Amino acid sequence: MKKLFLIIMILFTVCSKHDIDLKIINAEDLFSQVRIHQDSDVVLINFWATTCGPCIEEFPMIVDLSNQYREKNLAVYFVSADWEDMTKEVISFLSSQGVSGISFLKEEGNDNDFINAIDENWSGAIPFTLVYDKKGNVVSAWEGKKDKEFFENEIISALNL
């Protein structure tokens, strides 16, 4: 009986494994992540939520662009604005979209402080996207869903291609 239980636990662990490292972050943590890429990569950060229709609609396109421009030094991070108790749902969605590696979940607390720290011009609406150049400066920021051409133009401009 103990062996059966052990086998079931091993199978459960293996089957539930994912390649997503979801970290709970505040604004300063996010800025630290951007600084890691300074002098080497352009960074695109997309703020989204599992309950945001426009976020979900543009998400696969952002993943495709991330894959397309990764070798040209584009780093893409997703920051979920979901509540911390939605961690399983966030991971499940990211996994279903083929996202792996580091993604983020906004720390619960004063949303206005977080929003203002990220960008003073951000109203808090999502989706919200920022693009940082290789020097770590914001070169583009926008609210709302955009099409692939818009995203690609912003990425190409930041990469100087």
N, C-alpha and C. Protein backbone atom coordinates (compact mmCIF):
# COMPACT_ATOMS: atom_id res chain seq x y z
N MET A 1 0.83 -1.19 0.00
CA MET A 1 0.00 0.00 0.00
C MET A 1 0.87 1.25 0.00
N LYS A 2 1.97 1.21 0.79
CA LYS A 2 2.86 2.37 0.84
C LYS A 2 3.51 2.61 -0.52
N LYS A 3 3.84 1.52 -1.23
CA LYS A 3 4.45 1.67 -2.55
C LYS A 3 3.47 2.30 -3.53
N LEU A 4 2.22 1.90 -3.46
CA LEU A 4 1.20 2.46 -4.34
C LEU A 4 1.04 3.95 -4.06
N PHE A 5 0.99 4.32 -2.81
CA PHE A 5 0.88 5.73 -2.44
C PHE A 5 2.08 6.53 -2.95
N LEU A 6 3.28 5.97 -2.81
CA LEU A 6 4.49 6.63 -3.28
C LEU A 6 4.45 6.81 -4.80
N ILE A 7 4.02 5.80 -5.52
CA ILE A 7 3.92 5.89 -6.98
C ILE A 7 2.91 6.96 -7.39
N ILE A 8 1.79 7.00 -6.72
CA ILE A 8 0.77 8.01 -7.02
C ILE A 8 1.31 9.41 -6.76
N MET A 9 2.03 9.60 -5.66
CA MET A 9 2.59 10.91 -5.34
C MET A 9 3.65 11.33 -6.36
N ILE A 10 4.46 10.40 -6.81
CA ILE A 10 5.48 10.70 -7.82
C ILE A 10 4.80 11.09 -9.13
N LEU A 11 3.79 10.34 -9.54
CA LEU A 11 3.07 10.66 -10.78
C LEU A 11 2.39 12.02 -10.67
N PHE A 12 1.79 12.31 -9.54
CA PHE A 12 1.14 13.61 -9.33
C PHE A 12 2.15 14.74 -9.45
N THR A 13 3.31 14.57 -8.85
CA THR A 13 4.35 15.59 -8.88
C THR A 13 4.86 15.79 -10.30
N VAL A 14 5.12 14.72 -11.01
CA VAL A 14 5.63 14.81 -12.38
C VAL A 14 4.58 15.43 -13.30
N CYS A 15 3.33 15.02 -13.17
CA CYS A 15 2.27 15.52 -14.04
C CYS A 15 1.93 16.97 -13.77
N SER A 16 2.14 17.44 -12.56
CA SER A 16 1.78 18.82 -12.24
C SER A 16 2.96 19.78 -12.41
N LYS A 17 4.09 19.27 -12.85
CA LYS A 17 5.27 20.10 -13.03
C LYS A 17 5.06 21.05 -14.20
N HIS A 18 5.53 22.28 -14.04
CA HIS A 18 5.46 23.27 -15.11
C HIS A 18 6.79 24.02 -15.17
N ASP A 19 7.01 24.71 -16.24
CA ASP A 19 8.26 25.42 -16.43
C ASP A 19 8.11 26.91 -16.16
N ILE A 20 7.20 27.27 -15.29
CA ILE A 20 6.93 28.67 -15.00
C ILE A 20 7.36 28.98 -13.57
N ASP A 21 8.16 30.04 -13.46
CA ASP A 21 8.58 30.53 -12.16
C ASP A 21 7.80 31.81 -11.91
N LEU A 22 6.66 31.70 -11.22
CA LEU A 22 5.80 32.85 -10.96
C LEU A 22 6.21 33.50 -9.66
N LYS A 23 6.69 34.73 -9.76
CA LYS A 23 7.17 35.46 -8.60
C LYS A 23 6.22 36.60 -8.27
N ILE A 24 5.94 36.76 -6.99
CA ILE A 24 5.14 37.91 -6.53
C ILE A 24 6.08 39.09 -6.39
N ILE A 25 5.72 40.20 -7.05
CA ILE A 25 6.64 41.34 -7.11
C ILE A 25 5.95 42.66 -6.79
N ASN A 26 6.79 43.62 -6.40
CA ASN A 26 6.35 45.00 -6.29
C ASN A 26 7.05 45.76 -7.41
N ALA A 27 6.84 47.06 -7.50
CA ALA A 27 7.41 47.85 -8.59
C ALA A 27 8.94 47.79 -8.58
N GLU A 28 9.56 47.91 -7.43
CA GLU A 28 11.03 47.91 -7.36
C GLU A 28 11.60 46.56 -7.82
N ASP A 29 10.92 45.47 -7.47
CA ASP A 29 11.36 44.15 -7.93
C ASP A 29 11.34 44.09 -9.46
N LEU A 30 10.31 44.67 -10.05
CA LEU A 30 10.19 44.67 -11.50
C LEU A 30 11.30 45.50 -12.14
N PHE A 31 11.58 46.66 -11.57
CA PHE A 31 12.67 47.49 -12.08
C PHE A 31 14.01 46.77 -11.97
N SER A 32 14.20 46.01 -10.90
CA SER A 32 15.43 45.22 -10.75
C SER A 32 15.55 44.18 -11.86
N GLN A 33 14.43 43.57 -12.23
CA GLN A 33 14.45 42.59 -13.31
C GLN A 33 14.82 43.26 -14.63
N VAL A 34 14.31 44.45 -14.87
CA VAL A 34 14.66 45.18 -16.09
C VAL A 34 16.15 45.50 -16.11
N ARG A 35 16.69 45.91 -14.96
CA ARG A 35 18.12 46.26 -14.88
C ARG A 35 19.04 45.08 -15.20
N ILE A 36 18.58 43.88 -14.97
CA ILE A 36 19.37 42.69 -15.30
C ILE A 36 19.70 42.68 -16.80
N HIS A 37 18.82 43.24 -17.61
CA HIS A 37 18.97 43.21 -19.06
C HIS A 37 19.69 44.44 -19.62
N GLN A 38 20.05 45.37 -18.75
CA GLN A 38 20.67 46.60 -19.20
C GLN A 38 21.94 46.31 -20.00
N ASP A 39 22.09 47.01 -21.08
CA ASP A 39 23.22 46.90 -22.02
C ASP A 39 23.21 45.61 -22.84
N SER A 40 22.14 44.83 -22.76
CA SER A 40 22.10 43.61 -23.56
C SER A 40 20.77 43.37 -24.27
N ASP A 41 19.65 43.67 -23.62
CA ASP A 41 18.35 43.33 -24.19
C ASP A 41 17.36 44.48 -24.13
N VAL A 42 16.46 44.50 -25.10
CA VAL A 42 15.25 45.31 -25.03
C VAL A 42 14.27 44.50 -24.20
N VAL A 43 13.51 45.16 -23.34
CA VAL A 43 12.56 44.45 -22.46
C VAL A 43 11.15 44.95 -22.72
N LEU A 44 10.24 44.02 -22.95
CA LEU A 44 8.82 44.32 -23.09
C LEU A 44 8.13 43.71 -21.88
N ILE A 45 7.33 44.54 -21.20
CA ILE A 45 6.57 44.06 -20.04
C ILE A 45 5.09 44.28 -20.33
N ASN A 46 4.32 43.20 -20.19
CA ASN A 46 2.89 43.27 -20.44
C ASN A 46 2.14 42.97 -19.14
N PHE A 47 1.29 43.90 -18.73
CA PHE A 47 0.44 43.75 -17.55
C PHE A 47 -0.91 43.24 -18.03
N TRP A 48 -1.41 42.21 -17.41
CA TRP A 48 -2.62 41.53 -17.87
C TRP A 48 -3.32 40.89 -16.68
N ALA A 49 -4.47 40.28 -16.93
CA ALA A 49 -5.18 39.51 -15.91
C ALA A 49 -6.01 38.42 -16.58
N THR A 50 -6.25 37.35 -15.86
CA THR A 50 -7.04 36.24 -16.41
C THR A 50 -8.49 36.64 -16.66
N THR A 51 -8.95 37.71 -16.05
CA THR A 51 -10.33 38.17 -16.20
C THR A 51 -10.47 39.29 -17.22
N CYS A 52 -9.40 39.62 -17.91
CA CYS A 52 -9.38 40.74 -18.86
C CYS A 52 -9.46 40.20 -20.29
N GLY A 53 -10.60 40.36 -20.93
CA GLY A 53 -10.80 39.86 -22.29
C GLY A 53 -9.76 40.35 -23.29
N PRO A 54 -9.55 41.67 -23.38
CA PRO A 54 -8.55 42.17 -24.33
C PRO A 54 -7.14 41.64 -24.03
N CYS A 55 -6.83 41.44 -22.75
CA CYS A 55 -5.52 40.89 -22.38
C CYS A 55 -5.36 39.48 -22.94
N ILE A 56 -6.40 38.68 -22.76
CA ILE A 56 -6.37 37.29 -23.21
C ILE A 56 -6.30 37.22 -24.74
N GLU A 57 -6.99 38.15 -25.41
CA GLU A 57 -7.00 38.17 -26.87
C GLU A 57 -5.62 38.47 -27.45
N GLU A 58 -4.88 39.42 -26.86
CA GLU A 58 -3.58 39.79 -27.43
C GLU A 58 -2.44 38.90 -26.94
N PHE A 59 -2.68 38.13 -25.91
CA PHE A 59 -1.63 37.34 -25.27
C PHE A 59 -0.88 36.40 -26.23
N PRO A 60 -1.59 35.57 -27.02
CA PRO A 60 -0.87 34.64 -27.91
C PRO A 60 0.03 35.38 -28.91
N MET A 61 -0.40 36.53 -29.37
CA MET A 61 0.39 37.31 -30.31
C MET A 61 1.68 37.80 -29.65
N ILE A 62 1.59 38.22 -28.39
CA ILE A 62 2.79 38.67 -27.68
C ILE A 62 3.76 37.51 -27.49
N VAL A 63 3.23 36.34 -27.16
CA VAL A 63 4.07 35.15 -27.02
C VAL A 63 4.77 34.84 -28.35
N ASP A 64 4.02 34.92 -29.45
CA ASP A 64 4.62 34.67 -30.77
C ASP A 64 5.74 35.67 -31.07
N LEU A 65 5.51 36.95 -30.78
CA LEU A 65 6.54 37.96 -31.02
C LEU A 65 7.74 37.75 -30.10
N SER A 66 7.49 37.32 -28.88
CA SER A 66 8.58 37.01 -27.96
C SER A 66 9.47 35.92 -28.54
N ASN A 67 8.86 34.87 -29.07
CA ASN A 67 9.61 33.78 -29.67
C ASN A 67 10.35 34.23 -30.93
N GLN A 68 9.69 35.07 -31.71
CA GLN A 68 10.26 35.54 -32.97
C GLN A 68 11.48 36.43 -32.76
N TYR A 69 11.46 37.28 -31.72
CA TYR A 69 12.53 38.26 -31.51
C TYR A 69 13.48 37.93 -30.36
N ARG A 70 13.31 36.78 -29.75
CA ARG A 70 14.17 36.39 -28.62
C ARG A 70 15.65 36.40 -29.01
N GLU A 71 15.96 35.85 -30.16
CA GLU A 71 17.36 35.77 -30.60
C GLU A 71 17.91 37.13 -31.04
N LYS A 72 17.05 38.12 -31.18
CA LYS A 72 17.49 39.47 -31.53
C LYS A 72 17.57 40.35 -30.27
N ASN A 73 17.59 39.68 -29.11
CA ASN A 73 17.75 40.33 -27.80
C ASN A 73 16.50 41.04 -27.31
N LEU A 74 15.36 40.38 -27.41
CA LEU A 74 14.13 40.87 -26.79
C LEU A 74 13.78 39.94 -25.63
N ALA A 75 13.61 40.53 -24.47
CA ALA A 75 13.13 39.80 -23.29
C ALA A 75 11.70 40.25 -23.02
N VAL A 76 10.80 39.30 -22.82
CA VAL A 76 9.39 39.62 -22.56
C VAL A 76 9.01 39.05 -21.20
N TYR A 77 8.35 39.90 -20.41
CA TYR A 77 7.84 39.47 -19.10
C TYR A 77 6.35 39.79 -19.02
N PHE A 78 5.63 38.90 -18.40
CA PHE A 78 4.20 39.09 -18.16
C PHE A 78 3.98 39.33 -16.68
N VAL A 79 3.19 40.34 -16.36
CA VAL A 79 2.86 40.67 -14.97
C VAL A 79 1.35 40.56 -14.82
N SER A 80 0.91 39.57 -14.06
CA SER A 80 -0.51 39.39 -13.82
C SER A 80 -0.98 40.34 -12.72
N ALA A 81 -2.11 40.96 -12.97
CA ALA A 81 -2.75 41.82 -11.98
C ALA A 81 -3.81 41.07 -11.18
N ASP A 82 -3.84 39.74 -11.33
CA ASP A 82 -4.78 38.92 -10.57
C ASP A 82 -4.42 38.93 -9.09
N TRP A 83 -5.38 38.53 -8.24
CA TRP A 83 -5.12 38.41 -6.81
C TRP A 83 -4.20 37.22 -6.58
N GLU A 84 -3.47 37.25 -5.48
CA GLU A 84 -2.53 36.16 -5.16
C GLU A 84 -3.22 34.81 -5.02
N ASP A 85 -4.49 34.80 -4.63
CA ASP A 85 -5.19 33.51 -4.50
C ASP A 85 -5.56 32.91 -5.86
N MET A 86 -5.22 33.60 -6.94
CA MET A 86 -5.45 33.11 -8.30
C MET A 86 -4.18 32.51 -8.91
N THR A 87 -3.18 32.25 -8.08
CA THR A 87 -1.88 31.77 -8.57
C THR A 87 -2.02 30.55 -9.47
N LYS A 88 -2.81 29.57 -9.06
CA LYS A 88 -2.96 28.35 -9.87
C LYS A 88 -3.56 28.67 -11.24
N GLU A 89 -4.55 29.54 -11.28
CA GLU A 89 -5.18 29.92 -12.54
C GLU A 89 -4.20 30.67 -13.44
N VAL A 90 -3.40 31.55 -12.84
CA VAL A 90 -2.40 32.30 -13.60
C VAL A 90 -1.39 31.35 -14.21
N ILE A 91 -0.87 30.43 -13.41
CA ILE A 91 0.11 29.46 -13.91
C ILE A 91 -0.51 28.59 -14.99
N SER A 92 -1.73 28.17 -14.79
CA SER A 92 -2.41 27.34 -15.78
C SER A 92 -2.55 28.08 -17.10
N PHE A 93 -2.95 29.35 -17.05
CA PHE A 93 -3.10 30.13 -18.28
C PHE A 93 -1.75 30.32 -18.96
N LEU A 94 -0.74 30.72 -18.20
CA LEU A 94 0.59 30.92 -18.78
C LEU A 94 1.08 29.63 -19.45
N SER A 95 0.90 28.52 -18.77
CA SER A 95 1.32 27.23 -19.31
C SER A 95 0.57 26.91 -20.60
N SER A 96 -0.73 27.18 -20.63
CA SER A 96 -1.53 26.89 -21.83
C SER A 96 -1.11 27.75 -23.02
N GLN A 97 -0.46 28.88 -22.74
CA GLN A 97 0.00 29.78 -23.79
C GLN A 97 1.44 29.50 -24.22
N GLY A 98 2.06 28.51 -23.60
CA GLY A 98 3.43 28.15 -23.95
C GLY A 98 4.48 29.03 -23.30
N VAL A 99 4.09 29.77 -22.25
CA VAL A 99 5.03 30.62 -21.54
C VAL A 99 5.84 29.76 -20.58
N SER A 100 7.14 30.02 -20.52
CA SER A 100 7.98 29.34 -19.55
C SER A 100 8.92 30.38 -18.94
N GLY A 101 9.64 29.97 -17.93
CA GLY A 101 10.57 30.89 -17.29
C GLY A 101 9.87 31.79 -16.28
N ILE A 102 10.44 32.96 -16.10
CA ILE A 102 9.95 33.89 -15.07
C ILE A 102 8.76 34.69 -15.58
N SER A 103 7.72 34.71 -14.79
CA SER A 103 6.58 35.61 -14.95
C SER A 103 6.26 36.15 -13.57
N PHE A 104 5.41 37.14 -13.53
CA PHE A 104 5.17 37.83 -12.26
C PHE A 104 3.69 37.95 -11.93
N LEU A 105 3.44 38.06 -10.64
CA LEU A 105 2.12 38.34 -10.09
C LEU A 105 2.29 39.57 -9.21
N LYS A 106 1.52 40.62 -9.49
CA LYS A 106 1.63 41.85 -8.74
C LYS A 106 1.30 41.61 -7.28
N GLU A 107 2.17 42.10 -6.41
CA GLU A 107 1.96 42.00 -4.98
C GLU A 107 0.68 42.73 -4.60
N GLU A 108 -0.12 42.12 -3.75
CA GLU A 108 -1.34 42.78 -3.30
C GLU A 108 -0.98 43.93 -2.38
N GLY A 109 -1.77 44.97 -2.45
CA GLY A 109 -1.51 46.15 -1.63
C GLY A 109 -2.08 47.37 -2.31
N ASN A 110 -1.42 48.49 -2.13
CA ASN A 110 -1.92 49.73 -2.69
C ASN A 110 -1.68 49.77 -4.20
N ASP A 111 -2.74 49.50 -4.96
CA ASP A 111 -2.61 49.46 -6.42
C ASP A 111 -2.18 50.81 -6.99
N ASN A 112 -2.69 51.90 -6.43
CA ASN A 112 -2.32 53.22 -6.96
C ASN A 112 -0.83 53.50 -6.80
N ASP A 113 -0.24 53.10 -5.69
CA ASP A 113 1.20 53.28 -5.51
C ASP A 113 1.97 52.45 -6.55
N PHE A 114 1.53 51.22 -6.77
CA PHE A 114 2.19 50.35 -7.76
C PHE A 114 2.08 50.97 -9.15
N ILE A 115 0.89 51.36 -9.53
CA ILE A 115 0.64 51.93 -10.86
C ILE A 115 1.48 53.19 -11.07
N ASN A 116 1.47 54.09 -10.10
CA ASN A 116 2.24 55.33 -10.23
C ASN A 116 3.75 55.08 -10.25
N ALA A 117 4.20 54.07 -9.53
CA ALA A 117 5.63 53.75 -9.54
C ALA A 117 6.04 53.18 -10.89
N ILE A 118 5.18 52.41 -11.51
CA ILE A 118 5.49 51.82 -12.81
C ILE A 118 5.52 52.89 -13.89
N ASP A 119 4.49 53.73 -13.95
CA ASP A 119 4.42 54.79 -14.96
C ASP A 119 3.37 55.81 -14.52
N GLU A 120 3.80 57.04 -14.35
CA GLU A 120 2.89 58.10 -13.89
C GLU A 120 1.72 58.33 -14.83
N ASN A 121 1.89 57.99 -16.10
CA ASN A 121 0.83 58.21 -17.09
C ASN A 121 -0.12 57.03 -17.23
N TRP A 122 0.15 55.95 -16.50
CA TRP A 122 -0.70 54.77 -16.56
C TRP A 122 -1.92 54.98 -15.67
N SER A 123 -3.11 54.83 -16.26
CA SER A 123 -4.35 55.01 -15.49
C SER A 123 -4.65 53.80 -14.62
N GLY A 124 -4.00 52.68 -14.92
CA GLY A 124 -4.28 51.42 -14.22
C GLY A 124 -5.05 50.45 -15.08
N ALA A 125 -5.50 50.91 -16.27
CA ALA A 125 -6.22 50.03 -17.19
C ALA A 125 -5.27 48.98 -17.74
N ILE A 126 -5.82 47.78 -17.97
CA ILE A 126 -5.03 46.72 -18.61
C ILE A 126 -5.79 46.24 -19.84
N PRO A 127 -5.08 45.70 -20.80
CA PRO A 127 -3.66 45.47 -20.82
C PRO A 127 -2.88 46.79 -20.86
N PHE A 128 -1.68 46.73 -20.30
CA PHE A 128 -0.75 47.85 -20.32
C PHE A 128 0.61 47.29 -20.67
N THR A 129 1.30 47.94 -21.58
CA THR A 129 2.59 47.42 -22.05
C THR A 129 3.64 48.51 -22.03
N LEU A 130 4.83 48.13 -21.59
CA LEU A 130 6.00 49.01 -21.57
C LEU A 130 7.11 48.36 -22.39
N VAL A 131 7.88 49.19 -23.08
CA VAL A 131 9.07 48.71 -23.77
C VAL A 131 10.24 49.54 -23.28
N TYR A 132 11.28 48.85 -22.82
CA TYR A 132 12.52 49.47 -22.36
C TYR A 132 13.61 49.23 -23.39
N ASP A 133 14.42 50.25 -23.66
CA ASP A 133 15.56 50.06 -24.56
C ASP A 133 16.69 49.35 -23.81
N LYS A 134 17.79 49.12 -24.50
CA LYS A 134 18.91 48.39 -23.89
C LYS A 134 19.59 49.17 -22.77
N LYS A 135 19.32 50.46 -22.68
CA LYS A 135 19.89 51.27 -21.61
C LYS A 135 18.97 51.30 -20.38
N GLY A 136 17.81 50.65 -20.49
CA GLY A 136 16.88 50.59 -19.38
C GLY A 136 15.90 51.75 -19.32
N ASN A 137 15.78 52.50 -20.42
CA ASN A 137 14.84 53.63 -20.49
C ASN A 137 13.54 53.20 -21.15
N VAL A 138 12.43 53.69 -20.62
CA VAL A 138 11.14 53.42 -21.26
C VAL A 138 11.11 54.18 -22.58
N VAL A 139 10.90 53.45 -23.68
CA VAL A 139 10.82 54.08 -24.99
C VAL A 139 9.41 54.04 -25.56
N SER A 140 8.54 53.25 -24.94
CA SER A 140 7.16 53.18 -25.40
C SER A 140 6.29 52.60 -24.28
N ALA A 141 5.08 53.14 -24.17
CA ALA A 141 4.12 52.65 -23.17
C ALA A 141 2.72 52.90 -23.71
N TRP A 142 1.83 51.92 -23.55
CA TRP A 142 0.46 52.11 -24.01
C TRP A 142 -0.51 51.25 -23.24
N GLU A 143 -1.72 51.77 -23.15
CA GLU A 143 -2.83 51.05 -22.54
C GLU A 143 -3.69 50.47 -23.65
N GLY A 144 -4.35 49.39 -23.33
CA GLY A 144 -5.31 48.81 -24.25
C GLY A 144 -4.70 47.82 -25.22
N LYS A 145 -5.57 47.04 -25.80
CA LYS A 145 -5.17 46.00 -26.75
C LYS A 145 -4.70 46.65 -28.04
N LYS A 146 -3.60 46.15 -28.57
CA LYS A 146 -3.07 46.60 -29.85
C LYS A 146 -2.87 45.38 -30.75
N ASP A 147 -2.75 45.64 -32.05
CA ASP A 147 -2.56 44.54 -32.99
C ASP A 147 -1.08 44.20 -33.15
N LYS A 148 -0.83 43.13 -33.88
CA LYS A 148 0.53 42.63 -34.05
C LYS A 148 1.43 43.67 -34.72
N GLU A 149 0.91 44.36 -35.71
CA GLU A 149 1.70 45.37 -36.42
C GLU A 149 2.18 46.45 -35.46
N PHE A 150 1.31 46.91 -34.57
CA PHE A 150 1.69 47.94 -33.61
C PHE A 150 2.81 47.43 -32.70
N PHE A 151 2.60 46.26 -32.11
CA PHE A 151 3.62 45.67 -31.22
C PHE A 151 4.94 45.50 -31.96
N GLU A 152 4.86 44.94 -33.14
CA GLU A 152 6.08 44.66 -33.90
C GLU A 152 6.83 45.95 -34.24
N ASN A 153 6.11 46.99 -34.60
CA ASN A 153 6.76 48.28 -34.88
C ASN A 153 7.48 48.82 -33.65
N GLU A 154 6.87 48.69 -32.50
CA GLU A 154 7.49 49.17 -31.26
C GLU A 154 8.73 48.34 -30.91
N ILE A 155 8.64 47.04 -31.12
CA ILE A 155 9.77 46.15 -30.83
C ILE A 155 10.92 46.45 -31.78
N ILE A 156 10.62 46.54 -33.08
CA ILE A 156 11.65 46.81 -34.08
C ILE A 156 12.33 48.16 -33.82
N SER A 157 11.54 49.14 -33.47
CA SER A 157 12.09 50.46 -33.17
C SER A 157 13.04 50.40 -31.98
N ALA A 158 12.64 49.72 -30.92
CA ALA A 158 13.48 49.61 -29.72
C ALA A 158 14.75 48.80 -29.98
N LEU A 159 14.65 47.80 -30.84
CA LEU A 159 15.80 46.97 -31.16
C LEU A 159 16.72 47.63 -32.20
N ASN A 160 16.24 48.73 -32.77
CA ASN A 160 16.98 49.43 -33.83
C ASN A 160 17.26 48.53 -35.02
N LEU A 161 16.25 47.77 -35.44
CA LEU A 161 16.41 46.86 -36.59
C LEU A 161 16.03 47.56 -37.88
